[in-house]
Amino acid sequence: MSDLLLVRHGETAWSADGRHTGRTDVPLTPNGVEEAISLAPYFRDRHPALVLTSPLRRAVATAELAGLADGVTDPDLYEWDYGGYEGVTTAEIQRTRPHWSLWSDGVPPGDAEHPGESAAQVAARADRALARMAPVLRDADGGDAVVVAHGHFLRVLTARYLGLPPEDGRLFMLRTGTVSVLSTEHGLPVIAGWNIQP
Protein backbone atom coordinates (compact mmCIF):
# COMPACT_ATOMS: atom_id res chain seq x y z
CA MET A 1 0.00 0.00 0.00
CA SER A 2 0.99 3.60 -0.51
CA ASP A 3 1.46 6.00 2.39
CA LEU A 4 -0.86 8.78 3.48
CA LEU A 5 1.11 11.95 4.26
CA LEU A 6 -0.57 14.46 6.54
CA VAL A 7 0.53 18.10 6.49
CA ARG A 8 -0.72 20.50 9.13
CA HIS A 9 -0.75 24.04 7.79
CA GLY A 10 1.79 26.60 8.99
CA GLU A 11 1.27 28.87 11.95
CA THR A 12 -1.47 31.49 12.02
CA ALA A 13 -1.93 34.27 14.55
CA TRP A 14 -4.77 32.30 16.09
CA SER A 15 -2.86 29.01 16.29
CA ALA A 16 0.06 30.87 17.89
CA ASP A 17 -2.36 32.22 20.53
CA GLY A 18 -4.07 28.86 21.08
CA ARG A 19 -7.40 30.13 19.76
CA HIS A 20 -9.77 27.54 18.30
CA THR A 21 -9.65 28.26 14.57
CA GLY A 22 -12.30 26.31 12.73
CA ARG A 23 -13.94 27.92 9.73
CA THR A 24 -12.48 31.42 10.26
CA ASP A 25 -10.21 31.92 7.26
CA VAL A 26 -7.10 33.41 8.82
CA PRO A 27 -3.82 33.69 6.86
CA LEU A 28 -0.41 32.30 7.71
CA THR A 29 1.90 34.44 9.81
CA PRO A 30 5.41 35.16 8.46
CA ASN A 31 6.58 32.30 10.66
CA GLY A 32 3.84 30.11 9.18
CA VAL A 33 5.04 30.98 5.69
CA GLU A 34 8.57 29.92 6.70
CA GLU A 35 7.23 26.68 8.17
CA ALA A 36 5.43 25.90 4.91
CA ILE A 37 8.49 26.71 2.79
CA SER A 38 10.59 24.46 5.02
CA LEU A 39 8.42 21.51 3.93
CA ALA A 40 9.36 21.89 0.26
CA PRO A 41 12.59 19.80 0.43
CA TYR A 42 10.58 16.91 1.92
CA PHE A 43 8.32 16.86 -1.14
CA ARG A 44 10.90 17.83 -3.79
CA ASP A 45 11.62 14.26 -4.91
CA ARG A 46 8.22 12.83 -4.11
CA HIS A 47 5.52 12.46 -6.72
CA PRO A 48 2.23 11.96 -4.91
CA ALA A 49 -0.62 10.42 -6.82
CA LEU A 50 -3.14 12.61 -5.02
CA VAL A 51 -2.95 15.89 -3.11
CA LEU A 52 -6.04 17.12 -1.26
CA THR A 53 -6.27 20.36 0.70
CA SER A 54 -8.78 22.05 2.91
CA PRO A 55 -10.41 24.99 1.11
CA LEU A 56 -9.19 27.41 3.80
CA ARG A 57 -6.36 29.68 2.69
CA ARG A 58 -3.96 28.66 5.46
CA ALA A 59 -4.02 25.10 4.08
CA VAL A 60 -4.00 26.08 0.39
CA ALA A 61 -1.08 28.47 0.94
CA THR A 62 0.85 25.81 2.88
CA ALA A 63 0.37 23.32 0.06
CA GLU A 64 1.57 25.79 -2.55
CA LEU A 65 4.60 26.91 -0.52
CA ALA A 66 5.53 23.27 0.16
CA GLY A 67 5.57 22.55 -3.58
CA LEU A 68 2.21 20.80 -3.67
CA ALA A 69 0.61 23.23 -6.10
CA ASP A 70 -1.56 20.60 -7.81
CA GLY A 71 -3.73 20.05 -4.77
CA VAL A 72 -7.48 19.70 -5.10
CA THR A 73 -9.59 21.39 -2.44
CA ASP A 74 -11.98 19.11 -0.60
CA PRO A 75 -14.68 20.54 1.71
CA ASP A 76 -14.56 17.40 3.86
CA LEU A 77 -11.09 18.56 5.00
CA TYR A 78 -12.30 21.72 6.78
CA GLU A 79 -11.23 22.06 10.41
CA TRP A 80 -13.58 21.02 13.20
CA ASP A 81 -16.39 23.57 13.45
CA TYR A 82 -15.97 24.88 17.00
CA GLY A 83 -19.37 26.57 17.12
CA GLY A 84 -19.61 28.99 20.03
CA TYR A 85 -15.95 28.39 20.89
CA GLU A 86 -14.62 29.73 17.59
CA GLY A 87 -11.72 32.07 18.35
CA VAL A 88 -11.69 31.18 22.05
CA THR A 89 -8.76 29.54 23.89
CA THR A 90 -9.04 26.44 26.05
CA ALA A 91 -7.94 28.48 29.08
CA GLU A 92 -10.79 30.95 28.48
CA ILE A 93 -13.32 28.13 28.15
CA GLN A 94 -12.08 26.45 31.32
CA ARG A 95 -12.76 29.59 33.37
CA THR A 96 -16.45 28.71 33.21
CA ARG A 97 -16.12 24.99 32.38
CA PRO A 98 -13.23 23.61 34.45
CA HIS A 99 -11.63 20.49 32.96
CA TRP A 100 -13.40 21.08 29.62
CA SER A 101 -12.03 19.01 26.72
CA LEU A 102 -13.04 19.28 23.09
CA TRP A 103 -12.70 15.51 22.79
CA SER A 104 -15.10 14.57 25.56
CA ASP A 105 -17.28 17.65 26.07
CA GLY A 106 -17.77 19.04 22.57
CA VAL A 107 -18.79 22.58 21.68
CA PRO A 108 -21.92 24.70 22.06
CA PRO A 109 -23.70 25.94 18.95
CA GLY A 110 -22.51 29.25 17.56
CA ASP A 111 -23.95 31.55 14.92
CA ALA A 112 -25.20 30.54 11.47
CA GLU A 113 -21.63 30.39 10.09
CA HIS A 114 -20.38 28.37 13.07
CA PRO A 115 -23.14 25.92 14.07
CA GLY A 116 -20.61 23.55 15.69
CA GLU A 117 -19.80 19.89 15.13
CA SER A 118 -19.56 16.79 17.27
CA ALA A 119 -16.61 14.41 17.11
CA ALA A 120 -18.87 11.97 15.25
CA GLN A 121 -19.64 14.57 12.57
CA VAL A 122 -15.94 15.32 12.07
CA ALA A 123 -15.30 11.57 11.89
CA ALA A 124 -17.95 11.19 9.19
CA ARG A 125 -16.10 13.75 7.06
CA ALA A 126 -12.77 12.01 7.74
CA ASP A 127 -14.28 8.64 6.80
CA ARG A 128 -15.58 10.04 3.51
CA ALA A 129 -12.16 11.49 2.70
CA LEU A 130 -10.43 8.20 3.54
CA ALA A 131 -12.90 6.31 1.35
CA ARG A 132 -12.09 8.60 -1.61
CA MET A 133 -8.35 8.10 -1.02
CA ALA A 134 -8.62 4.31 -0.63
CA PRO A 135 -8.01 3.44 -4.31
CA VAL A 136 -4.79 5.48 -4.32
CA LEU A 137 -3.64 4.00 -1.02
CA ARG A 138 -4.29 0.43 -2.22
CA ASP A 139 -2.01 0.96 -5.23
CA ALA A 140 1.48 0.29 -3.86
CA ASP A 141 3.16 1.52 -7.05
CA GLY A 142 1.00 4.55 -7.82
CA GLY A 143 2.42 7.08 -5.36
CA ASP A 144 1.38 8.43 -2.01
CA ALA A 145 -1.62 10.53 -1.06
CA VAL A 146 -1.11 13.87 0.70
CA VAL A 147 -3.66 15.75 2.81
CA VAL A 148 -2.97 19.37 3.78
CA ALA A 149 -5.39 20.41 6.48
CA HIS A 150 -5.82 21.30 10.16
CA GLY A 151 -4.73 20.03 13.55
CA HIS A 152 -7.91 18.65 15.08
CA PHE A 153 -9.28 17.37 11.79
CA LEU A 154 -6.03 15.51 11.01
CA ARG A 155 -6.01 14.02 14.50
CA VAL A 156 -9.53 12.64 13.93
CA LEU A 157 -8.50 11.41 10.47
CA THR A 158 -5.56 9.58 12.05
CA ALA A 159 -7.79 7.93 14.63
CA ARG A 160 -10.20 6.79 11.94
CA TYR A 161 -7.34 5.52 9.70
CA LEU A 162 -6.16 3.41 12.65
CA GLY A 163 -9.68 2.11 13.29
CA LEU A 164 -10.09 4.08 16.52
CA PRO A 165 -13.04 6.21 17.68
CA PRO A 166 -12.69 9.90 16.76
CA GLU A 167 -12.23 10.90 20.40
CA ASP A 168 -8.90 9.05 20.39
CA GLY A 169 -7.57 11.83 18.19
CA ARG A 170 -6.71 13.44 21.54
CA LEU A 171 -3.71 11.08 21.66
CA PHE A 172 -2.01 12.60 18.61
CA MET A 173 -0.70 16.09 19.34
CA LEU A 174 0.10 17.78 16.04
CA ARG A 175 2.34 20.82 15.53
CA THR A 176 1.96 23.43 12.79
CA GLY A 177 4.12 23.10 9.68
CA THR A 178 4.79 19.38 10.07
CA VAL A 179 4.43 16.17 8.07
CA SER A 180 3.13 12.92 9.55
CA VAL A 181 3.06 9.56 7.80
CA LEU A 182 0.34 6.94 8.03
CA SER A 183 1.30 3.61 6.52
CA THR A 184 0.79 -0.13 6.91
CA GLU A 185 2.83 -2.93 8.43
CA HIS A 186 1.87 -6.53 7.71
CA GLY A 187 -1.39 -5.24 6.27
CA LEU A 188 -2.35 -3.25 9.38
CA PRO A 189 -2.55 0.55 9.64
CA VAL A 190 0.29 2.21 11.56
CA ILE A 191 1.86 5.59 12.24
CA ALA A 192 5.24 5.57 10.46
CA GLY A 193 6.25 9.15 11.34
CA TRP A 194 4.78 11.99 13.37
CA ASN A 195 5.42 15.75 13.62
CA ILE A 196 8.29 15.59 11.14
CA GLN A 197 9.93 18.97 10.61
CA PRO A 198 12.20 18.52 7.57
C-alpha atoms as a PDB file:
ATOM      1  CA  MET A   1       0.000   0.000   0.000  1.00  0.00           C
ATOM      2  CA  SER A   2       0.994   3.598  -0.512  1.00  0.00           C
ATOM      3  CA  ASP A   3       1.456   5.997   2.387  1.00  0.00           C
ATOM      4  CA  LEU A   4      -0.863   8.782   3.485  1.00  0.00           C
ATOM      5  CA  LEU A   5       1.108  11.948   4.260  1.00  0.00           C
ATOM      6  CA  LEU A   6      -0.574  14.463   6.540  1.00  0.00           C
ATOM      7  CA  VAL A   7       0.530  18.103   6.492  1.00  0.00           C
ATOM      8  CA  ARG A   8      -0.715  20.499   9.129  1.00  0.00           C
ATOM      9  CA  HIS A   9      -0.747  24.040   7.789  1.00  0.00           C
ATOM     10  CA  GLY A  10       1.789  26.596   8.986  1.00  0.00           C
ATOM     11  CA  GLU A  11       1.274  28.868  11.949  1.00  0.00           C
ATOM     12  CA  THR A  12      -1.472  31.490  12.017  1.00  0.00           C
ATOM     13  CA  ALA A  13      -1.930  34.273  14.548  1.00  0.00           C
ATOM     14  CA  TRP A  14      -4.771  32.296  16.086  1.00  0.00           C
ATOM     15  CA  SER A  15      -2.856  29.011  16.294  1.00  0.00           C
ATOM     16  CA  ALA A  16       0.063  30.870  17.894  1.00  0.00           C
ATOM     17  CA  ASP A  17      -2.363  32.219  20.533  1.00  0.00           C
ATOM     18  CA  GLY A  18      -4.069  28.859  21.078  1.00  0.00           C
ATOM     19  CA  ARG A  19      -7.399  30.126  19.755  1.00  0.00           C
ATOM     20  CA  HIS A  20      -9.772  27.543  18.298  1.00  0.00           C
ATOM     21  CA  THR A  21      -9.647  28.258  14.574  1.00  0.00           C
ATOM     22  CA  GLY A  22     -12.297  26.309  12.732  1.00  0.00           C
ATOM     23  CA  ARG A  23     -13.939  27.924   9.735  1.00  0.00           C
ATOM     24  CA  THR A  24     -12.480  31.418  10.258  1.00  0.00           C
ATOM     25  CA  ASP A  25     -10.215  31.925   7.257  1.00  0.00           C
ATOM     26  CA  VAL A  26      -7.099  33.411   8.824  1.00  0.00           C
ATOM     27  CA  PRO A  27      -3.824  33.688   6.858  1.00  0.00           C
ATOM     28  CA  LEU A  28      -0.410  32.304   7.707  1.00  0.00           C
ATOM     29  CA  THR A  29       1.901  34.439   9.813  1.00  0.00           C
ATOM     30  CA  PRO A  30       5.408  35.164   8.464  1.00  0.00           C
ATOM     31  CA  ASN A  31       6.584  32.297  10.662  1.00  0.00           C
ATOM     32  CA  GLY A  32       3.835  30.111   9.178  1.00  0.00           C
ATOM     33  CA  VAL A  33       5.041  30.979   5.685  1.00  0.00           C
ATOM     34  CA  GLU A  34       8.566  29.918   6.700  1.00  0.00           C
ATOM     35  CA  GLU A  35       7.227  26.675   8.172  1.00  0.00           C
ATOM     36  CA  ALA A  36       5.428  25.904   4.913  1.00  0.00           C
ATOM     37  CA  ILE A  37       8.486  26.710   2.786  1.00  0.00           C
ATOM     38  CA  SER A  38      10.594  24.458   5.016  1.00  0.00           C
ATOM     39  CA  LEU A  39       8.416  21.509   3.932  1.00  0.00           C
ATOM     40  CA  ALA A  40       9.364  21.888   0.255  1.00  0.00           C
ATOM     41  CA  PRO A  41      12.588  19.797   0.435  1.00  0.00           C
ATOM     42  CA  TYR A  42      10.582  16.915   1.916  1.00  0.00           C
ATOM     43  CA  PHE A  43       8.318  16.861  -1.141  1.00  0.00           C
ATOM     44  CA  ARG A  44      10.896  17.826  -3.788  1.00  0.00           C
ATOM     45  CA  ASP A  45      11.617  14.257  -4.914  1.00  0.00           C
ATOM     46  CA  ARG A  46       8.223  12.834  -4.107  1.00  0.00           C
ATOM     47  CA  HIS A  47       5.523  12.455  -6.717  1.00  0.00           C
ATOM     48  CA  PRO A  48       2.228  11.960  -4.909  1.00  0.00           C
ATOM     49  CA  ALA A  49      -0.620  10.421  -6.823  1.00  0.00           C
ATOM     50  CA  LEU A  50      -3.144  12.612  -5.017  1.00  0.00           C
ATOM     51  CA  VAL A  51      -2.951  15.893  -3.106  1.00  0.00           C
ATOM     52  CA  LEU A  52      -6.037  17.123  -1.263  1.00  0.00           C
ATOM     53  CA  THR A  53      -6.269  20.358   0.697  1.00  0.00           C
ATOM     54  CA  SER A  54      -8.780  22.048   2.905  1.00  0.00           C
ATOM     55  CA  PRO A  55     -10.407  24.990   1.113  1.00  0.00           C
ATOM     56  CA  LEU A  56      -9.193  27.414   3.805  1.00  0.00           C
ATOM     57  CA  ARG A  57      -6.355  29.681   2.687  1.00  0.00           C
ATOM     58  CA  ARG A  58      -3.960  28.656   5.456  1.00  0.00           C
ATOM     59  CA  ALA A  59      -4.016  25.104   4.079  1.00  0.00           C
ATOM     60  CA  VAL A  60      -4.000  26.082   0.395  1.00  0.00           C
ATOM     61  CA  ALA A  61      -1.076  28.470   0.942  1.00  0.00           C
ATOM     62  CA  THR A  62       0.849  25.814   2.882  1.00  0.00           C
ATOM     63  CA  ALA A  63       0.370  23.322   0.060  1.00  0.00           C
ATOM     64  CA  GLU A  64       1.574  25.789  -2.549  1.00  0.00           C
ATOM     65  CA  LEU A  65       4.600  26.909  -0.520  1.00  0.00           C
ATOM     66  CA  ALA A  66       5.528  23.266   0.160  1.00  0.00           C
ATOM     67  CA  GLY A  67       5.574  22.551  -3.576  1.00  0.00           C
ATOM     68  CA  LEU A  68       2.207  20.796  -3.667  1.00  0.00           C
ATOM     69  CA  ALA A  69       0.614  23.225  -6.098  1.00  0.00           C
ATOM     70  CA  ASP A  70      -1.555  20.604  -7.815  1.00  0.00           C
ATOM     71  CA  GLY A  71      -3.732  20.052  -4.775  1.00  0.00           C
ATOM     72  CA  VAL A  72      -7.476  19.697  -5.098  1.00  0.00           C
ATOM     73  CA  THR A  73      -9.594  21.392  -2.438  1.00  0.00           C
ATOM     74  CA  ASP A  74     -11.981  19.114  -0.597  1.00  0.00           C
ATOM     75  CA  PRO A  75     -14.677  20.540   1.706  1.00  0.00           C
ATOM     76  CA  ASP A  76     -14.558  17.400   3.861  1.00  0.00           C
ATOM     77  CA  LEU A  77     -11.091  18.562   5.002  1.00  0.00           C
ATOM     78  CA  TYR A  78     -12.303  21.718   6.777  1.00  0.00           C
ATOM     79  CA  GLU A  79     -11.226  22.056  10.410  1.00  0.00           C
ATOM     80  CA  TRP A  80     -13.584  21.018  13.204  1.00  0.00           C
ATOM     81  CA  ASP A  81     -16.394  23.567  13.448  1.00  0.00           C
ATOM     82  CA  TYR A  82     -15.969  24.879  17.004  1.00  0.00           C
ATOM     83  CA  GLY A  83     -19.365  26.567  17.117  1.00  0.00           C
ATOM     84  CA  GLY A  84     -19.608  28.993  20.032  1.00  0.00           C
ATOM     85  CA  TYR A  85     -15.949  28.390  20.894  1.00  0.00           C
ATOM     86  CA  GLU A  86     -14.617  29.727  17.589  1.00  0.00           C
ATOM     87  CA  GLY A  87     -11.723  32.069  18.346  1.00  0.00           C
ATOM     88  CA  VAL A  88     -11.694  31.177  22.053  1.00  0.00           C
ATOM     89  CA  THR A  89      -8.759  29.541  23.888  1.00  0.00           C
ATOM     90  CA  THR A  90      -9.040  26.445  26.055  1.00  0.00           C
ATOM     91  CA  ALA A  91      -7.937  28.483  29.084  1.00  0.00           C
ATOM     92  CA  GLU A  92     -10.794  30.947  28.475  1.00  0.00           C
ATOM     93  CA  ILE A  93     -13.316  28.129  28.146  1.00  0.00           C
ATOM     94  CA  GLN A  94     -12.076  26.452  31.319  1.00  0.00           C
ATOM     95  CA  ARG A  95     -12.759  29.588  33.368  1.00  0.00           C
ATOM     96  CA  THR A  96     -16.447  28.708  33.206  1.00  0.00           C
ATOM     97  CA  ARG A  97     -16.118  24.987  32.382  1.00  0.00           C
ATOM     98  CA  PRO A  98     -13.230  23.607  34.447  1.00  0.00           C
ATOM     99  CA  HIS A  99     -11.627  20.493  32.957  1.00  0.00           C
ATOM    100  CA  TRP A 100     -13.397  21.075  29.618  1.00  0.00           C
ATOM    101  CA  SER A 101     -12.030  19.014  26.717  1.00  0.00           C
ATOM    102  CA  LEU A 102     -13.037  19.282  23.085  1.00  0.00           C
ATOM    103  CA  TRP A 103     -12.697  15.509  22.790  1.00  0.00           C
ATOM    104  CA  SER A 104     -15.105  14.570  25.564  1.00  0.00           C
ATOM    105  CA  ASP A 105     -17.276  17.652  26.066  1.00  0.00           C
ATOM    106  CA  GLY A 106     -17.772  19.036  22.568  1.00  0.00           C
ATOM    107  CA  VAL A 107     -18.786  22.582  21.683  1.00  0.00           C
ATOM    108  CA  PRO A 108     -21.919  24.699  22.061  1.00  0.00           C
ATOM    109  CA  PRO A 109     -23.701  25.945  18.954  1.00  0.00           C
ATOM    110  CA  GLY A 110     -22.506  29.254  17.557  1.00  0.00           C
ATOM    111  CA  ASP A 111     -23.949  31.550  14.922  1.00  0.00           C
ATOM    112  CA  ALA A 112     -25.197  30.544  11.471  1.00  0.00           C
ATOM    113  CA  GLU A 113     -21.631  30.393  10.092  1.00  0.00           C
ATOM    114  CA  HIS A 114     -20.384  28.366  13.069  1.00  0.00           C
ATOM    115  CA  PRO A 115     -23.138  25.917  14.074  1.00  0.00           C
ATOM    116  CA  GLY A 116     -20.610  23.554  15.690  1.00  0.00           C
ATOM    117  CA  GLU A 117     -19.796  19.892  15.129  1.00  0.00           C
ATOM    118  CA  SER A 118     -19.563  16.788  17.269  1.00  0.00           C
ATOM    119  CA  ALA A 119     -16.609  14.408  17.108  1.00  0.00           C
ATOM    120  CA  ALA A 120     -18.872  11.972  15.254  1.00  0.00           C
ATOM    121  CA  GLN A 121     -19.638  14.570  12.574  1.00  0.00           C
ATOM    122  CA  VAL A 122     -15.943  15.321  12.068  1.00  0.00           C
ATOM    123  CA  ALA A 123     -15.296  11.570  11.886  1.00  0.00           C
ATOM    124  CA  ALA A 124     -17.946  11.193   9.187  1.00  0.00           C
ATOM    125  CA  ARG A 125     -16.095  13.746   7.056  1.00  0.00           C
ATOM    126  CA  ALA A 126     -12.774  12.011   7.740  1.00  0.00           C
ATOM    127  CA  ASP A 127     -14.279   8.643   6.802  1.00  0.00           C
ATOM    128  CA  ARG A 128     -15.578  10.042   3.506  1.00  0.00           C
ATOM    129  CA  ALA A 129     -12.157  11.493   2.697  1.00  0.00           C
ATOM    130  CA  LEU A 130     -10.431   8.199   3.535  1.00  0.00           C
ATOM    131  CA  ALA A 131     -12.900   6.312   1.347  1.00  0.00           C
ATOM    132  CA  ARG A 132     -12.089   8.600  -1.606  1.00  0.00           C
ATOM    133  CA  MET A 133      -8.350   8.097  -1.021  1.00  0.00           C
ATOM    134  CA  ALA A 134      -8.620   4.315  -0.629  1.00  0.00           C
ATOM    135  CA  PRO A 135      -8.009   3.445  -4.310  1.00  0.00           C
ATOM    136  CA  VAL A 136      -4.794   5.484  -4.319  1.00  0.00           C
ATOM    137  CA  LEU A 137      -3.639   4.002  -1.015  1.00  0.00           C
ATOM    138  CA  ARG A 138      -4.295   0.434  -2.216  1.00  0.00           C
ATOM    139  CA  ASP A 139      -2.011   0.963  -5.233  1.00  0.00           C
ATOM    140  CA  ALA A 140       1.475   0.290  -3.856  1.00  0.00           C
ATOM    141  CA  ASP A 141       3.156   1.517  -7.047  1.00  0.00           C
ATOM    142  CA  GLY A 142       1.002   4.548  -7.815  1.00  0.00           C
ATOM    143  CA  GLY A 143       2.423   7.078  -5.359  1.00  0.00           C
ATOM    144  CA  ASP A 144       1.383   8.425  -2.007  1.00  0.00           C
ATOM    145  CA  ALA A 145      -1.624  10.533  -1.064  1.00  0.00           C
ATOM    146  CA  VAL A 146      -1.111  13.873   0.696  1.00  0.00           C
ATOM    147  CA  VAL A 147      -3.659  15.755   2.809  1.00  0.00           C
ATOM    148  CA  VAL A 148      -2.970  19.373   3.777  1.00  0.00           C
ATOM    149  CA  ALA A 149      -5.385  20.410   6.483  1.00  0.00           C
ATOM    150  CA  HIS A 150      -5.817  21.304  10.157  1.00  0.00           C
ATOM    151  CA  GLY A 151      -4.733  20.025  13.554  1.00  0.00           C
ATOM    152  CA  HIS A 152      -7.912  18.647  15.083  1.00  0.00           C
ATOM    153  CA  PHE A 153      -9.278  17.366  11.790  1.00  0.00           C
ATOM    154  CA  LEU A 154      -6.033  15.509  11.005  1.00  0.00           C
ATOM    155  CA  ARG A 155      -6.013  14.020  14.495  1.00  0.00           C
ATOM    156  CA  VAL A 156      -9.531  12.643  13.929  1.00  0.00           C
ATOM    157  CA  LEU A 157      -8.502  11.406  10.468  1.00  0.00           C
ATOM    158  CA  THR A 158      -5.559   9.582  12.053  1.00  0.00           C
ATOM    159  CA  ALA A 159      -7.791   7.928  14.634  1.00  0.00           C
ATOM    160  CA  ARG A 160     -10.196   6.786  11.939  1.00  0.00           C
ATOM    161  CA  TYR A 161      -7.340   5.516   9.704  1.00  0.00           C
ATOM    162  CA  LEU A 162      -6.161   3.407  12.652  1.00  0.00           C
ATOM    163  CA  GLY A 163      -9.683   2.107  13.293  1.00  0.00           C
ATOM    164  CA  LEU A 164     -10.088   4.083  16.516  1.00  0.00           C
ATOM    165  CA  PRO A 165     -13.037   6.212  17.675  1.00  0.00           C
ATOM    166  CA  PRO A 166     -12.688   9.897  16.761  1.00  0.00           C
ATOM    167  CA  GLU A 167     -12.229  10.900  20.397  1.00  0.00           C
ATOM    168  CA  ASP A 168      -8.901   9.045  20.386  1.00  0.00           C
ATOM    169  CA  GLY A 169      -7.566  11.831  18.190  1.00  0.00           C
ATOM    170  CA  ARG A 170      -6.708  13.443  21.541  1.00  0.00           C
ATOM    171  CA  LEU A 171      -3.708  11.083  21.661  1.00  0.00           C
ATOM    172  CA  PHE A 172      -2.007  12.597  18.606  1.00  0.00           C
ATOM    173  CA  MET A 173      -0.698  16.092  19.341  1.00  0.00           C
ATOM    174  CA  LEU A 174       0.101  17.776  16.036  1.00  0.00           C
ATOM    175  CA  ARG A 175       2.342  20.817  15.529  1.00  0.00           C
ATOM    176  CA  THR A 176       1.964  23.428  12.786  1.00  0.00           C
ATOM    177  CA  GLY A 177       4.117  23.098   9.683  1.00  0.00           C
ATOM    178  CA  THR A 178       4.793  19.383  10.073  1.00  0.00           C
ATOM    179  CA  VAL A 179       4.431  16.170   8.073  1.00  0.00           C
ATOM    180  CA  SER A 180       3.127  12.921   9.545  1.00  0.00           C
ATOM    181  CA  VAL A 181       3.061   9.561   7.798  1.00  0.00           C
ATOM    182  CA  LEU A 182       0.341   6.939   8.026  1.00  0.00           C
ATOM    183  CA  SER A 183       1.296   3.606   6.521  1.00  0.00           C
ATOM    184  CA  THR A 184       0.790  -0.134   6.914  1.00  0.00           C
ATOM    185  CA  GLU A 185       2.826  -2.927   8.432  1.00  0.00           C
ATOM    186  CA  HIS A 186       1.869  -6.530   7.706  1.00  0.00           C
ATOM    187  CA  GLY A 187      -1.392  -5.244   6.273  1.00  0.00           C
ATOM    188  CA  LEU A 188      -2.348  -3.255   9.382  1.00  0.00           C
ATOM    189  CA  PRO A 189      -2.553   0.554   9.641  1.00  0.00           C
ATOM    190  CA  VAL A 190       0.288   2.214  11.555  1.00  0.00           C
ATOM    191  CA  ILE A 191       1.865   5.586  12.236  1.00  0.00           C
ATOM    192  CA  ALA A 192       5.238   5.565  10.461  1.00  0.00           C
ATOM    193  CA  GLY A 193       6.246   9.153  11.343  1.00  0.00           C
ATOM    194  CA  TRP A 194       4.782  11.992  13.365  1.00  0.00           C
ATOM    195  CA  ASN A 195       5.417  15.746  13.621  1.00  0.00           C
ATOM    196  CA  ILE A 196       8.285  15.587  11.142  1.00  0.00           C
ATOM    197  CA  GLN A 197       9.931  18.971  10.613  1.00  0.00           C
ATOM    198  CA  PRO A 198      12.196  18.525   7.568  1.00  0.00           C
END
